[in-house]
Amino acid sequence: MSSIVQFCRRLADKIDLLNEWIGTTVSWLTLIMVVVTFTIVVLRYIFNINSIAMQESVSYMHALVFMLGAAYTLKADAHVRVDIFYQRCGKTAKAWIDCCGVLFLLLPVAVFILYSSWHYVAESWSIYESSSNSGGLPGVFLIKTTIPLTACLLILQGFAMLVSNSMIALGLHTAEETRQIEAR
């Protein structure tokens, strides 16, 4: 295997590890969301205490789980897919389909999101946007930053998928990778 192919493979593996770590880390926010939501309900209906900041924190956590978990979901192949034909294809055909999906769907959409959100996020940062609700959380600009960050993570994961699937489609994978592919 050429050194460029080996470099791309190692880079793709590092991108996979990054998105795996991010996905695993933000998944813990779902447990925290449940606990905070339970606390909000108890405080409101038992003690008649209402906290806008706590309510907004659930929305912030939900946004982080959804946005930062998108690339992990893509990596884990756990996204929603209509695969009437895909499921019947062999590994090589699936690899070609995935390469086309990355090149013609994922990357253009992710680049569009990155481009179109840049000014929106920059404007939010310029005023250090915070909640419009009295007693709400500051840092709306930080949550908005996850939009281009998500696009970047999707672009990186798309590159990793493109490398992996290209190697399968072109028959450039090692014997160990072949065994891993067949185990899927």
Protein backbone atom coordinates (compact mmCIF):
# COMPACT_ATOMS: atom_id res chain seq x y z
CA MET A 1 0.00 0.00 0.00
CA SER A 2 1.35 3.44 -0.85
CA SER A 3 2.32 5.88 1.87
CA ILE A 4 -0.50 8.27 0.86
CA VAL A 5 -3.08 5.52 1.26
CA GLN A 6 -1.58 4.53 4.63
CA PHE A 7 -1.59 8.18 5.76
CA CYS A 8 -5.24 8.61 4.72
CA ARG A 9 -6.17 5.36 6.50
CA ARG A 10 -4.46 6.49 9.74
CA LEU A 11 -6.10 9.92 9.46
CA ALA A 12 -9.51 8.30 8.90
CA ASP A 13 -8.94 6.11 11.98
CA LYS A 14 -8.13 9.19 14.07
CA ILE A 15 -11.26 10.95 12.82
CA ASP A 16 -13.30 7.85 13.73
CA LEU A 17 -11.78 7.89 17.23
CA LEU A 18 -12.51 11.61 17.63
CA ASN A 19 -16.16 11.21 16.68
CA GLU A 20 -16.45 8.06 18.81
CA TRP A 21 -15.12 9.98 21.81
CA ILE A 22 -17.38 13.00 21.19
CA GLY A 23 -20.45 10.78 20.69
CA THR A 24 -19.76 8.75 23.82
CA THR A 25 -19.09 11.87 25.87
CA VAL A 26 -22.20 13.80 24.82
CA SER A 27 -24.38 10.72 25.25
CA TRP A 28 -23.99 11.20 29.00
CA LEU A 29 -25.92 14.44 28.63
CA THR A 30 -29.08 12.41 28.00
CA LEU A 31 -28.88 11.03 31.55
CA ILE A 32 -28.21 14.51 32.92
CA MET A 33 -31.21 15.84 30.93
CA VAL A 34 -33.47 13.25 32.56
CA VAL A 35 -32.23 14.18 36.04
CA VAL A 36 -32.59 17.92 35.40
CA THR A 37 -36.06 17.48 33.89
CA PHE A 38 -37.13 15.39 36.88
CA THR A 39 -35.76 18.09 39.20
CA ILE A 40 -37.66 20.79 37.31
CA VAL A 41 -40.91 18.85 37.66
CA VAL A 42 -40.37 18.21 41.38
CA LEU A 43 -39.46 21.84 42.05
CA ARG A 44 -42.42 23.15 40.06
CA TYR A 45 -45.20 20.85 41.26
CA ILE A 46 -44.12 20.09 44.82
CA PHE A 47 -42.33 23.27 45.88
CA ASN A 48 -43.89 25.74 43.42
CA ILE A 49 -40.42 26.88 42.30
CA ASN A 50 -39.76 27.67 38.66
CA SER A 51 -36.31 28.09 37.11
CA ILE A 52 -36.00 29.36 33.56
CA ALA A 53 -32.26 28.69 33.64
CA MET A 54 -32.87 25.01 34.45
CA GLN A 55 -35.47 24.74 31.68
CA GLU A 56 -33.10 26.33 29.19
CA SER A 57 -30.27 24.04 30.31
CA VAL A 58 -32.31 21.05 29.12
CA SER A 59 -32.66 22.71 25.71
CA TYR A 60 -28.93 23.44 25.64
CA MET A 61 -28.08 19.84 26.51
CA HIS A 62 -30.53 18.52 23.92
CA ALA A 63 -28.92 20.74 21.27
CA LEU A 64 -25.47 19.45 22.21
CA VAL A 65 -26.56 15.82 22.06
CA PHE A 66 -28.26 16.27 18.70
CA MET A 67 -25.63 18.44 17.05
CA LEU A 68 -22.43 16.88 18.37
CA GLY A 69 -23.84 13.36 18.14
CA ALA A 70 -24.62 13.63 14.42
CA ALA A 71 -21.13 12.68 13.21
CA TYR A 72 -20.96 9.83 15.73
CA THR A 73 -24.30 8.54 14.47
CA LEU A 74 -22.99 8.70 10.91
CA LYS A 75 -19.82 6.85 11.94
CA ALA A 76 -21.84 4.15 13.70
CA ASP A 77 -24.11 3.83 10.63
CA ALA A 78 -27.05 4.41 12.95
CA HIS A 79 -28.75 7.15 10.96
CA VAL A 80 -32.11 6.70 9.27
CA ARG A 81 -31.74 5.17 5.83
CA VAL A 82 -34.22 3.82 3.32
CA ASP A 83 -32.27 0.81 2.13
CA ILE A 84 -34.62 -1.18 -0.05
CA PHE A 85 -31.84 -1.87 -2.54
CA TYR A 86 -28.80 -1.19 -0.37
CA GLN A 87 -29.43 -4.14 1.97
CA ARG A 88 -29.26 -6.58 -0.96
CA CYS A 89 -25.93 -5.26 -2.26
CA GLY A 90 -22.55 -6.81 -1.61
CA LYS A 91 -19.76 -5.06 0.32
CA THR A 92 -18.18 -3.56 -2.80
CA ALA A 93 -21.48 -2.18 -4.14
CA LYS A 94 -22.33 -0.77 -0.70
CA ALA A 95 -18.92 0.89 -0.58
CA TRP A 96 -19.52 2.54 -3.98
CA ILE A 97 -22.99 3.69 -2.89
CA ASP A 98 -21.57 5.11 0.35
CA CYS A 99 -18.80 6.92 -1.57
CA CYS A 100 -21.40 8.50 -3.85
CA GLY A 101 -23.55 9.42 -0.86
CA VAL A 102 -20.63 11.15 0.82
CA LEU A 103 -19.51 12.99 -2.32
CA PHE A 104 -22.89 14.04 -3.68
CA LEU A 105 -25.05 14.39 -0.55
CA LEU A 106 -23.15 14.59 2.75
CA LEU A 107 -20.26 16.86 1.78
CA PRO A 108 -22.31 19.42 -0.22
CA VAL A 109 -24.90 19.70 2.57
CA ALA A 110 -22.26 19.95 5.31
CA VAL A 111 -20.30 22.59 3.37
CA PHE A 112 -23.55 24.52 2.79
CA ILE A 113 -24.36 24.39 6.52
CA LEU A 114 -20.85 25.55 7.38
CA TYR A 115 -20.97 28.39 4.87
CA SER A 116 -24.50 29.56 5.64
CA SER A 117 -24.11 29.44 9.42
CA TRP A 118 -20.80 31.30 9.59
CA HIS A 119 -22.23 34.85 9.55
CA TYR A 120 -25.12 33.87 11.84
CA VAL A 121 -22.72 32.50 14.47
CA ALA A 122 -20.23 35.37 14.05
CA GLU A 123 -23.00 37.88 14.66
CA SER A 124 -24.06 36.02 17.79
CA TRP A 125 -20.46 36.07 19.04
CA SER A 126 -20.09 39.79 18.28
CA ILE A 127 -22.79 40.61 20.83
CA TYR A 128 -22.14 37.66 23.14
CA GLU A 129 -25.77 36.71 22.69
CA SER A 130 -27.54 35.40 25.75
CA SER A 131 -31.06 34.28 26.53
CA SER A 132 -33.85 36.74 25.81
CA ASN A 133 -35.73 35.41 28.84
CA SER A 134 -35.30 37.09 32.20
CA GLY A 135 -33.31 34.69 34.36
CA GLY A 136 -32.24 32.69 31.32
CA LEU A 137 -28.79 31.34 30.62
CA PRO A 138 -26.03 33.31 28.99
CA GLY A 139 -24.05 31.72 26.21
CA VAL A 140 -26.54 31.36 23.38
CA PHE A 141 -23.57 32.23 21.15
CA LEU A 142 -21.80 29.09 22.40
CA ILE A 143 -24.74 26.85 21.52
CA LYS A 144 -24.97 28.46 18.08
CA THR A 145 -21.29 27.63 17.59
CA THR A 146 -22.24 23.96 17.47
CA ILE A 147 -23.82 24.54 14.04
CA PRO A 148 -20.54 25.06 12.14
CA LEU A 149 -18.78 22.66 14.50
CA THR A 150 -21.28 19.95 13.57
CA ALA A 151 -20.72 20.70 9.89
CA CYS A 152 -16.95 20.35 10.39
CA LEU A 153 -17.35 17.06 12.26
CA LEU A 154 -19.62 15.76 9.48
CA ILE A 155 -17.09 16.80 6.84
CA LEU A 156 -14.32 15.02 8.75
CA GLN A 157 -16.45 11.90 9.20
CA GLY A 158 -17.38 12.05 5.53
CA PHE A 159 -13.67 12.06 4.65
CA ALA A 160 -13.11 9.05 6.94
CA MET A 161 -16.03 7.22 5.32
CA LEU A 162 -14.80 8.12 1.86
CA VAL A 163 -11.34 6.72 2.64
CA SER A 164 -12.70 3.51 4.16
CA ASN A 165 -15.26 2.89 1.46
CA SER A 166 -12.84 3.77 -1.35
CA MET A 167 -10.40 1.20 0.00
CA ILE A 168 -13.16 -1.42 0.02
CA ALA A 169 -14.46 -0.44 -3.42
CA LEU A 170 -10.98 -0.49 -4.94
CA GLY A 171 -9.79 -3.57 -3.04
CA LEU A 172 -7.03 -1.70 -1.19
CA HIS A 173 -7.76 -2.95 2.33
CA THR A 174 -5.55 -5.27 4.35
CA ALA A 175 -6.39 -8.86 5.35
CA GLU A 176 -7.31 -7.67 8.87
CA GLU A 177 -9.62 -5.01 7.48
CA THR A 178 -11.20 -7.63 5.20
CA ARG A 179 -12.02 -9.78 8.24
CA GLN A 180 -13.53 -6.76 10.03
CA ILE A 181 -15.62 -5.90 6.98
CA GLU A 182 -16.93 -9.46 6.67
CA ALA A 183 -17.79 -9.49 10.39
CA ARG A 184 -20.14 -6.49 9.93
